[in-house]
PDB file of N, CA and C in Angstrom:
ATOM      1  N   UNK A   1      -2.035 -24.141 -31.839  1.00  0.00           N
ATOM      2  CA  UNK A   1      -1.673 -23.459 -30.584  1.00  0.00           C
ATOM      3  C   UNK A   1      -2.641 -22.352 -30.395  1.00  0.00           C
ATOM      4  N   UNK A   2      -2.739 -21.600 -31.441  1.00  0.00           N
ATOM      5  CA  UNK A   2      -3.549 -20.279 -31.211  1.00  0.00           C
ATOM      6  C   UNK A   2      -5.084 -20.646 -30.860  1.00  0.00           C
ATOM      7  N   UNK A   3      -5.609 -21.713 -31.500  1.00  0.00           N
ATOM      8  CA  UNK A   3      -7.014 -22.113 -31.130  1.00  0.00           C
ATOM      9  C   UNK A   3      -7.150 -22.478 -29.712  1.00  0.00           C
ATOM     10  N   UNK A   4      -6.015 -23.138 -29.132  1.00  0.00           N
ATOM     11  CA  UNK A   4      -6.046 -23.550 -27.681  1.00  0.00           C
ATOM     12  C   UNK A   4      -6.121 -22.247 -26.854  1.00  0.00           C
ATOM     13  N   UNK A   5      -5.447 -21.274 -27.118  1.00  0.00           N
ATOM     14  CA  UNK A   5      -5.317 -19.975 -26.383  1.00  0.00           C
ATOM     15  C   UNK A   5      -6.669 -19.267 -26.571  1.00  0.00           C
ATOM     16  N   UNK A   6      -7.155 -19.256 -27.811  1.00  0.00           N
ATOM     17  CA  UNK A   6      -8.353 -18.597 -28.141  1.00  0.00           C
ATOM     18  C   UNK A   6      -9.542 -19.148 -27.328  1.00  0.00           C
ATOM     19  N   UNK A   7      -9.572 -20.439 -27.299  1.00  0.00           N
ATOM     20  CA  UNK A   7     -10.658 -21.225 -26.744  1.00  0.00           C
ATOM     21  C   UNK A   7     -10.659 -20.789 -25.130  1.00  0.00           C
ATOM     22  N   UNK A   8      -9.512 -20.877 -24.734  1.00  0.00           N
ATOM     23  CA  UNK A   8      -9.401 -20.540 -23.085  1.00  0.00           C
ATOM     24  C   UNK A   8      -9.853 -19.062 -22.844  1.00  0.00           C
ATOM     25  N   UNK A   9      -9.480 -18.182 -23.657  1.00  0.00           N
ATOM     26  CA  UNK A   9      -9.942 -16.706 -23.380  1.00  0.00           C
ATOM     27  C   UNK A   9     -11.287 -16.804 -23.675  1.00  0.00           C
ATOM     28  N   UNK A  10     -11.778 -17.233 -24.646  1.00  0.00           N
ATOM     29  CA  UNK A  10     -13.233 -17.146 -24.874  1.00  0.00           C
ATOM     30  C   UNK A  10     -14.184 -17.714 -23.789  1.00  0.00           C
ATOM     31  N   UNK A  11     -13.659 -18.926 -23.196  1.00  0.00           N
ATOM     32  CA  UNK A  11     -14.261 -19.621 -22.210  1.00  0.00           C
ATOM     33  C   UNK A  11     -14.317 -18.589 -20.976  1.00  0.00           C
ATOM     34  N   UNK A  12     -13.075 -17.945 -20.500  1.00  0.00           N
ATOM     35  CA  UNK A  12     -12.987 -17.133 -19.504  1.00  0.00           C
ATOM     36  C   UNK A  12     -13.943 -15.946 -19.664  1.00  0.00           C
ATOM     37  N   UNK A  13     -14.011 -15.251 -20.990  1.00  0.00           N
ATOM     38  CA  UNK A  13     -15.052 -14.338 -21.103  1.00  0.00           C
ATOM     39  C   UNK A  13     -16.356 -14.556 -20.911  1.00  0.00           C
ATOM     40  N   UNK A  14     -16.827 -15.791 -21.384  1.00  0.00           N
ATOM     41  CA  UNK A  14     -18.167 -16.234 -21.138  1.00  0.00           C
ATOM     42  C   UNK A  14     -18.364 -16.363 -19.596  1.00  0.00           C
ATOM     43  N   UNK A  15     -17.565 -16.867 -18.769  1.00  0.00           N
ATOM     44  CA  UNK A  15     -17.716 -16.947 -17.486  1.00  0.00           C
ATOM     45  C   UNK A  15     -17.678 -15.602 -16.820  1.00  0.00           C
ATOM     46  N   UNK A  16     -16.966 -14.644 -17.152  1.00  0.00           N
ATOM     47  CA  UNK A  16     -16.942 -13.227 -16.699  1.00  0.00           C
ATOM     48  C   UNK A  16     -18.214 -12.549 -16.943  1.00  0.00           C
ATOM     49  N   UNK A  17     -18.679 -12.621 -18.211  1.00  0.00           N
ATOM     50  CA  UNK A  17     -19.806 -11.925 -18.650  1.00  0.00           C
ATOM     51  C   UNK A  17     -21.243 -12.469 -18.131  1.00  0.00           C
ATOM     52  N   UNK A  18     -21.179 -13.707 -18.008  1.00  0.00           N
ATOM     53  CA  UNK A  18     -22.305 -14.548 -17.316  1.00  0.00           C
ATOM     54  C   UNK A  18     -22.497 -14.146 -15.879  1.00  0.00           C
ATOM     55  N   UNK A  19     -21.372 -14.199 -15.188  1.00  0.00           N
ATOM     56  CA  UNK A  19     -21.407 -13.818 -13.763  1.00  0.00           C
ATOM     57  C   UNK A  19     -21.809 -12.397 -13.609  1.00  0.00           C
ATOM     58  N   UNK A  20     -21.206 -11.473 -14.222  1.00  0.00           N
ATOM     59  CA  UNK A  20     -21.567 -10.234 -13.968  1.00  0.00           C
ATOM     60  C   UNK A  20     -22.722  -9.517 -14.661  1.00  0.00           C
ATOM     61  N   UNK A  21     -23.028  -9.943 -15.812  1.00  0.00           N
ATOM     62  CA  UNK A  21     -24.155  -9.309 -16.667  1.00  0.00           C
ATOM     63  C   UNK A  21     -25.568 -10.371 -16.483  1.00  0.00           C
ATOM     64  N   UNK A  22     -25.465 -11.518 -16.871  1.00  0.00           N
ATOM     65  CA  UNK A  22     -26.539 -12.377 -16.795  1.00  0.00           C
ATOM     66  C   UNK A  22     -27.058 -12.580 -15.377  1.00  0.00           C
ATOM     67  N   UNK A  23     -26.156 -13.027 -14.589  1.00  0.00           N
ATOM     68  CA  UNK A  23     -26.509 -13.416 -13.351  1.00  0.00           C
ATOM     69  C   UNK A  23     -26.383 -12.188 -12.202  1.00  0.00           C
ATOM     70  N   UNK A  24     -25.923 -11.164 -12.654  1.00  0.00           N
ATOM     71  CA  UNK A  24     -25.797  -9.964 -11.789  1.00  0.00           C
ATOM     72  C   UNK A  24     -25.278 -10.166 -10.513  1.00  0.00           C
ATOM     73  N   UNK A  25     -24.172 -10.806 -10.447  1.00  0.00           N
ATOM     74  CA  UNK A  25     -23.239 -11.050  -9.188  1.00  0.00           C
ATOM     75  C   UNK A  25     -22.426  -9.911  -9.093  1.00  0.00           C
ATOM     76  N   UNK A  26     -22.057  -9.594  -7.788  1.00  0.00           N
ATOM     77  CA  UNK A  26     -21.319  -8.520  -7.537  1.00  0.00           C
ATOM     78  C   UNK A  26     -19.764  -8.665  -8.046  1.00  0.00           C
ATOM     79  N   UNK A  27     -19.145  -7.614  -8.189  1.00  0.00           N
ATOM     80  CA  UNK A  27     -17.780  -7.557  -8.691  1.00  0.00           C
ATOM     81  C   UNK A  27     -16.791  -8.451  -7.889  1.00  0.00           C
ATOM     82  N   UNK A  28     -16.918  -8.496  -6.696  1.00  0.00           N
ATOM     83  CA  UNK A  28     -16.116  -9.286  -5.721  1.00  0.00           C
ATOM     84  C   UNK A  28     -16.241 -10.667  -5.991  1.00  0.00           C
ATOM     85  N   UNK A  29     -17.438 -11.118  -6.249  1.00  0.00           N
ATOM     86  CA  UNK A  29     -17.646 -12.649  -6.419  1.00  0.00           C
ATOM     87  C   UNK A  29     -17.119 -12.941  -7.853  1.00  0.00           C
ATOM     88  N   UNK A  30     -17.447 -11.973  -8.883  1.00  0.00           N
ATOM     89  CA  UNK A  30     -17.063 -12.416 -10.223  1.00  0.00           C
ATOM     90  C   UNK A  30     -15.485 -12.330 -10.380  1.00  0.00           C
ATOM     91  N   UNK A  31     -14.819 -11.395  -9.676  1.00  0.00           N
ATOM     92  CA  UNK A  31     -13.419 -11.323  -9.815  1.00  0.00           C
ATOM     93  C   UNK A  31     -12.609 -12.457  -9.136  1.00  0.00           C
ATOM     94  N   UNK A  32     -13.315 -13.074  -8.086  1.00  0.00           N
ATOM     95  CA  UNK A  32     -12.657 -14.101  -7.284  1.00  0.00           C
ATOM     96  C   UNK A  32     -13.457 -15.483  -7.342  1.00  0.00           C
ATOM     97  N   UNK A  33     -14.215 -15.691  -8.455  1.00  0.00           N
ATOM     98  CA  UNK A  33     -15.040 -16.726  -8.583  1.00  0.00           C
ATOM     99  C   UNK A  33     -14.415 -18.099  -8.611  1.00  0.00           C
ATOM    100  N   UNK A  34     -12.973 -18.308  -8.885  1.00  0.00           N
ATOM    101  CA  UNK A  34     -12.325 -19.581  -8.775  1.00  0.00           C
ATOM    102  C   UNK A  34     -11.748 -19.770  -7.343  1.00  0.00           C
ATOM    103  N   UNK A  35     -12.048 -18.863  -6.388  1.00  0.00           N
ATOM    104  CA  UNK A  35     -11.642 -19.200  -4.998  1.00  0.00           C
ATOM    105  C   UNK A  35     -12.608 -20.211  -4.517  1.00  0.00           C
ATOM    106  N   UNK A  36     -12.029 -21.034  -3.440  1.00  0.00           N
ATOM    107  CA  UNK A  36     -12.975 -22.036  -2.820  1.00  0.00           C
ATOM    108  C   UNK A  36     -14.232 -21.560  -2.142  1.00  0.00           C
ATOM    109  N   UNK A  37     -14.112 -20.172  -1.555  1.00  0.00           N
ATOM    110  CA  UNK A  37     -15.382 -19.714  -0.875  1.00  0.00           C
ATOM    111  C   UNK A  37     -16.517 -19.440  -1.843  1.00  0.00           C
ATOM    112  N   UNK A  38     -16.184 -19.361  -3.051  1.00  0.00           N
ATOM    113  CA  UNK A  38     -17.428 -19.064  -4.125  1.00  0.00           C
ATOM    114  C   UNK A  38     -17.563 -20.273  -4.940  1.00  0.00           C
ATOM    115  N   UNK A  39     -17.377 -21.462  -4.547  1.00  0.00           N
ATOM    116  CA  UNK A  39     -17.623 -22.719  -5.296  1.00  0.00           C
ATOM    117  C   UNK A  39     -19.169 -22.819  -5.692  1.00  0.00           C
ATOM    118  N   UNK A  40     -20.007 -22.420  -4.960  1.00  0.00           N
ATOM    119  CA  UNK A  40     -21.395 -22.652  -5.223  1.00  0.00           C
ATOM    120  C   UNK A  40     -21.722 -21.638  -6.392  1.00  0.00           C
ATOM    121  N   UNK A  41     -21.206 -20.278  -6.362  1.00  0.00           N
ATOM    122  CA  UNK A  41     -21.408 -19.377  -7.423  1.00  0.00           C
ATOM    123  C   UNK A  41     -20.840 -19.851  -8.631  1.00  0.00           C
ATOM    124  N   UNK A  42     -19.502 -20.332  -8.586  1.00  0.00           N
ATOM    125  CA  UNK A  42     -18.920 -20.921  -9.877  1.00  0.00           C
ATOM    126  C   UNK A  42     -19.716 -22.133 -10.438  1.00  0.00           C
ATOM    127  N   UNK A  43     -20.351 -22.962  -9.670  1.00  0.00           N
ATOM    128  CA  UNK A  43     -21.125 -24.013 -10.277  1.00  0.00           C
ATOM    129  C   UNK A  43     -22.394 -23.356 -11.005  1.00  0.00           C
ATOM    130  N   UNK A  44     -22.989 -22.390 -10.371  1.00  0.00           N
ATOM    131  CA  UNK A  44     -24.061 -21.773 -10.995  1.00  0.00           C
ATOM    132  C   UNK A  44     -23.754 -21.085 -12.356  1.00  0.00           C
ATOM    133  N   UNK A  45     -22.602 -20.451 -12.295  1.00  0.00           N
ATOM    134  CA  UNK A  45     -22.137 -19.817 -13.540  1.00  0.00           C
ATOM    135  C   UNK A  45     -21.663 -20.691 -14.636  1.00  0.00           C
ATOM    136  N   UNK A  46     -21.032 -21.860 -14.314  1.00  0.00           N
ATOM    137  CA  UNK A  46     -20.543 -22.814 -15.199  1.00  0.00           C
ATOM    138  C   UNK A  46     -21.740 -23.478 -15.847  1.00  0.00           C
ATOM    139  N   UNK A  47     -22.780 -23.773 -15.016  1.00  0.00           N
ATOM    140  CA  UNK A  47     -23.995 -24.377 -15.498  1.00  0.00           C
ATOM    141  C   UNK A  47     -24.719 -23.574 -16.698  1.00  0.00           C
ATOM    142  N   UNK A  48     -24.665 -22.202 -16.408  1.00  0.00           N
ATOM    143  CA  UNK A  48     -25.411 -21.317 -17.202  1.00  0.00           C
ATOM    144  C   UNK A  48     -24.633 -21.179 -18.514  1.00  0.00           C
ATOM    145  N   UNK A  49     -23.183 -21.126 -18.386  1.00  0.00           N
ATOM    146  CA  UNK A  49     -22.288 -21.021 -19.548  1.00  0.00           C
ATOM    147  C   UNK A  49     -22.398 -22.318 -20.459  1.00  0.00           C
ATOM    148  N   UNK A  50     -22.466 -23.523 -19.898  1.00  0.00           N
ATOM    149  CA  UNK A  50     -22.671 -24.700 -20.644  1.00  0.00           C
ATOM    150  C   UNK A  50     -23.945 -24.644 -21.348  1.00  0.00           C
ATOM    151  N   UNK A  51     -24.955 -24.075 -20.811  1.00  0.00           N
ATOM    152  CA  UNK A  51     -26.199 -24.117 -21.514  1.00  0.00           C
ATOM    153  C   UNK A  51     -26.067 -23.108 -22.796  1.00  0.00           C
ATOM    154  N   UNK A  52     -25.407 -21.968 -22.576  1.00  0.00           N
ATOM    155  CA  UNK A  52     -25.209 -21.037 -23.801  1.00  0.00           C
ATOM    156  C   UNK A  52     -24.331 -21.748 -24.732  1.00  0.00           C
ATOM    157  N   UNK A  53     -23.256 -22.415 -24.477  1.00  0.00           N
ATOM    158  CA  UNK A  53     -22.465 -23.161 -25.332  1.00  0.00           C
ATOM    159  C   UNK A  53     -23.061 -24.253 -26.032  1.00  0.00           C
ATOM    160  N   UNK A  54     -24.062 -24.936 -25.299  1.00  0.00           N
ATOM    161  CA  UNK A  54     -24.867 -26.036 -26.026  1.00  0.00           C
ATOM    162  C   UNK A  54     -25.792 -25.427 -27.111  1.00  0.00           C
ATOM    163  N   UNK A  55     -26.381 -24.247 -26.806  1.00  0.00           N
ATOM    164  CA  UNK A  55     -27.318 -23.605 -27.740  1.00  0.00           C
ATOM    165  C   UNK A  55     -26.589 -23.184 -28.997  1.00  0.00           C
ATOM    166  N   UNK A  56     -25.199 -22.578 -28.715  1.00  0.00           N
ATOM    167  CA  UNK A  56     -24.265 -22.173 -29.767  1.00  0.00           C
ATOM    168  C   UNK A  56     -24.055 -23.331 -30.540  1.00  0.00           C
ATOM    169  N   UNK A  57     -23.713 -24.457 -30.070  1.00  0.00           N
ATOM    170  CA  UNK A  57     -23.418 -25.682 -30.892  1.00  0.00           C
ATOM    171  C   UNK A  57     -24.508 -25.989 -31.885  1.00  0.00           C
ATOM    172  N   UNK A  58     -25.720 -25.919 -31.412  1.00  0.00           N
ATOM    173  CA  UNK A  58     -26.964 -26.283 -32.186  1.00  0.00           C
ATOM    174  C   UNK A  58     -26.994 -25.210 -33.275  1.00  0.00           C
ATOM    175  N   UNK A  59     -26.828 -23.907 -33.058  1.00  0.00           N
ATOM    176  CA  UNK A  59     -26.923 -22.953 -33.997  1.00  0.00           C
ATOM    177  C   UNK A  59     -25.940 -23.155 -35.099  1.00  0.00           C
ATOM    178  N   UNK A  60     -24.629 -23.526 -34.540  1.00  0.00           N
ATOM    179  CA  UNK A  60     -23.491 -23.771 -35.639  1.00  0.00           C
ATOM    180  C   UNK A  60     -23.899 -24.977 -36.404  1.00  0.00           C
ATOM    181  N   UNK A  61     -24.645 -26.011 -35.858  1.00  0.00           N
ATOM    182  CA  UNK A  61     -24.971 -27.193 -36.485  1.00  0.00           C
ATOM    183  C   UNK A  61     -25.914 -26.858 -37.625  1.00  0.00           C
ATOM    184  N   UNK A  62     -27.006 -25.914 -37.459  1.00  0.00           N
ATOM    185  CA  UNK A  62     -27.853 -25.454 -38.464  1.00  0.00           C
ATOM    186  C   UNK A  62     -27.093 -24.794 -39.575  1.00  0.00           C
ATOM    187  N   UNK A  63     -26.188 -24.000 -39.364  1.00  0.00           N
ATOM    188  CA  UNK A  63     -25.444 -23.369 -40.381  1.00  0.00           C
ATOM    189  C   UNK A  63     -24.694 -24.464 -41.229  1.00  0.00           C
ATOM    190  N   UNK A  64     -23.970 -25.378 -40.679  1.00  0.00           N
ATOM    191  CA  UNK A  64     -23.418 -26.588 -41.262  1.00  0.00           C
ATOM    192  C   UNK A  64     -24.224 -27.165 -42.226  1.00  0.00           C
ATOM    193  N   UNK A  65     -25.300 -27.672 -41.736  1.00  0.00           N
ATOM    194  CA  UNK A  65     -26.311 -28.616 -42.369  1.00  0.00           C
ATOM    195  C   UNK A  65     -26.894 -27.690 -43.561  1.00  0.00           C
ATOM    196  N   UNK A  66     -27.215 -26.488 -43.461  1.00  0.00           N
ATOM    197  CA  UNK A  66     -27.612 -25.669 -44.475  1.00  0.00           C
ATOM    198  C   UNK A  66     -26.538 -25.537 -45.652  1.00  0.00           C
ATOM    199  N   UNK A  67     -25.352 -25.214 -45.203  1.00  0.00           N
ATOM    200  CA  UNK A  67     -24.380 -25.194 -46.247  1.00  0.00           C
ATOM    201  C   UNK A  67     -24.097 -26.351 -46.987  1.00  0.00           C
ATOM    202  N   UNK A  68     -24.202 -27.560 -46.240  1.00  0.00           N
ATOM    203  CA  UNK A  68     -24.219 -28.904 -47.046  1.00  0.00           C
ATOM    204  C   UNK A  68     -25.255 -29.173 -48.010  1.00  0.00           C
ATOM    205  N   UNK A  69     -26.485 -28.655 -47.543  1.00  0.00           N
ATOM    206  CA  UNK A  69     -27.529 -28.853 -48.385  1.00  0.00           C
ATOM    207  C   UNK A  69     -27.604 -27.884 -49.561  1.00  0.00           C
ATOM    208  N   UNK A  70     -27.272 -26.691 -49.337  1.00  0.00           N
ATOM    209  CA  UNK A  70     -27.100 -25.758 -50.549  1.00  0.00           C
ATOM    210  C   UNK A  70     -25.867 -26.138 -51.423  1.00  0.00           C
ATOM    211  N   UNK A  71     -24.878 -26.639 -50.871  1.00  0.00           N
ATOM    212  CA  UNK A  71     -23.789 -27.218 -51.744  1.00  0.00           C
ATOM    213  C   UNK A  71     -24.296 -28.371 -52.591  1.00  0.00           C
ATOM    214  N   UNK A  72     -25.020 -29.185 -52.041  1.00  0.00           N
ATOM    215  CA  UNK A  72     -25.616 -30.434 -52.750  1.00  0.00           C
ATOM    216  C   UNK A  72     -26.492 -29.788 -54.019  1.00  0.00           C
ATOM    217  N   UNK A  73     -27.480 -28.882 -53.637  1.00  0.00           N
ATOM    218  CA  UNK A  73     -28.239 -28.381 -54.608  1.00  0.00           C
ATOM    219  C   UNK A  73     -27.562 -27.661 -55.673  1.00  0.00           C
ATOM    220  N   UNK A  74     -26.497 -26.914 -55.570  1.00  0.00           N
ATOM    221  CA  UNK A  74     -25.678 -26.391 -56.473  1.00  0.00           C
ATOM    222  C   UNK A  74     -25.046 -27.310 -57.342  1.00  0.00           C
ATOM    223  N   UNK A  75     -24.532 -28.499 -56.755  1.00  0.00           N
ATOM    224  CA  UNK A  75     -23.861 -29.586 -57.491  1.00  0.00           C
ATOM    225  C   UNK A  75     -25.040 -30.179 -58.479  1.00  0.00           C
ATOM    226  N   UNK A  76     -26.241 -30.320 -57.988  1.00  0.00           N
ATOM    227  CA  UNK A  76     -27.305 -30.879 -58.821  1.00  0.00           C
ATOM    228  C   UNK A  76     -27.591 -29.982 -59.901  1.00  0.00           C
ATOM    229  N   UNK A  77     -27.724 -28.735 -59.756  1.00  0.00           N
ATOM    230  CA  UNK A  77     -28.054 -27.736 -60.737  1.00  0.00           C
ATOM    231  C   UNK A  77     -26.859 -27.687 -61.806  1.00  0.00           C
ATOM    232  N   UNK A  78     -25.677 -27.815 -61.257  1.00  0.00           N
ATOM    233  CA  UNK A  78     -24.454 -27.723 -62.272  1.00  0.00           C
ATOM    234  C   UNK A  78     -24.728 -28.975 -63.198  1.00  0.00           C
ATOM    235  N   UNK A  79     -24.910 -30.101 -62.593  1.00  0.00           N
ATOM    236  CA  UNK A  79     -24.915 -31.336 -63.346  1.00  0.00           C
ATOM    237  C   UNK A  79     -25.978 -31.275 -64.496  1.00  0.00           C
ATOM    238  N   UNK A  80     -27.053 -30.570 -64.121  1.00  0.00           N
ATOM    239  CA  UNK A  80     -28.074 -30.306 -65.246  1.00  0.00           C
ATOM    240  C   UNK A  80     -27.746 -29.123 -66.111  1.00  0.00           C
ATOM    241  N   UNK A  81     -26.612 -28.422 -65.943  1.00  0.00           N
ATOM    242  CA  UNK A  81     -26.108 -27.353 -66.876  1.00  0.00           C
ATOM    243  C   UNK A  81     -27.158 -26.090 -66.575  1.00  0.00           C
ATOM    244  N   UNK A  82     -27.721 -25.973 -65.595  1.00  0.00           N
ATOM    245  CA  UNK A  82     -28.546 -24.879 -65.299  1.00  0.00           C
ATOM    246  C   UNK A  82     -27.837 -23.659 -64.712  1.00  0.00           C
ATOM    247  N   UNK A  83     -26.590 -23.957 -64.346  1.00  0.00           N
ATOM    248  CA  UNK A  83     -25.718 -22.801 -63.784  1.00  0.00           C
ATOM    249  C   UNK A  83     -24.654 -22.665 -64.729  1.00  0.00           C
TER     250      UNK A  83
END
């Protein structure tokens, strides 16, 4: 349950920061971005956030693959009684 709430909050934070900081939209737009009149701006912000999240997923994947590789190396050295 906590993960769902955390994911929702993090996503909203990404939307807010991308709108106000990265895309430099004014406060009125960012505060009301979910309104129908700002649909075009919301689409732009969501596209940018999805790009950031995709890059983040690749970075996470690099860490996972590295950990798996190093774990295998440690197992191989253990089996040779080097550790």
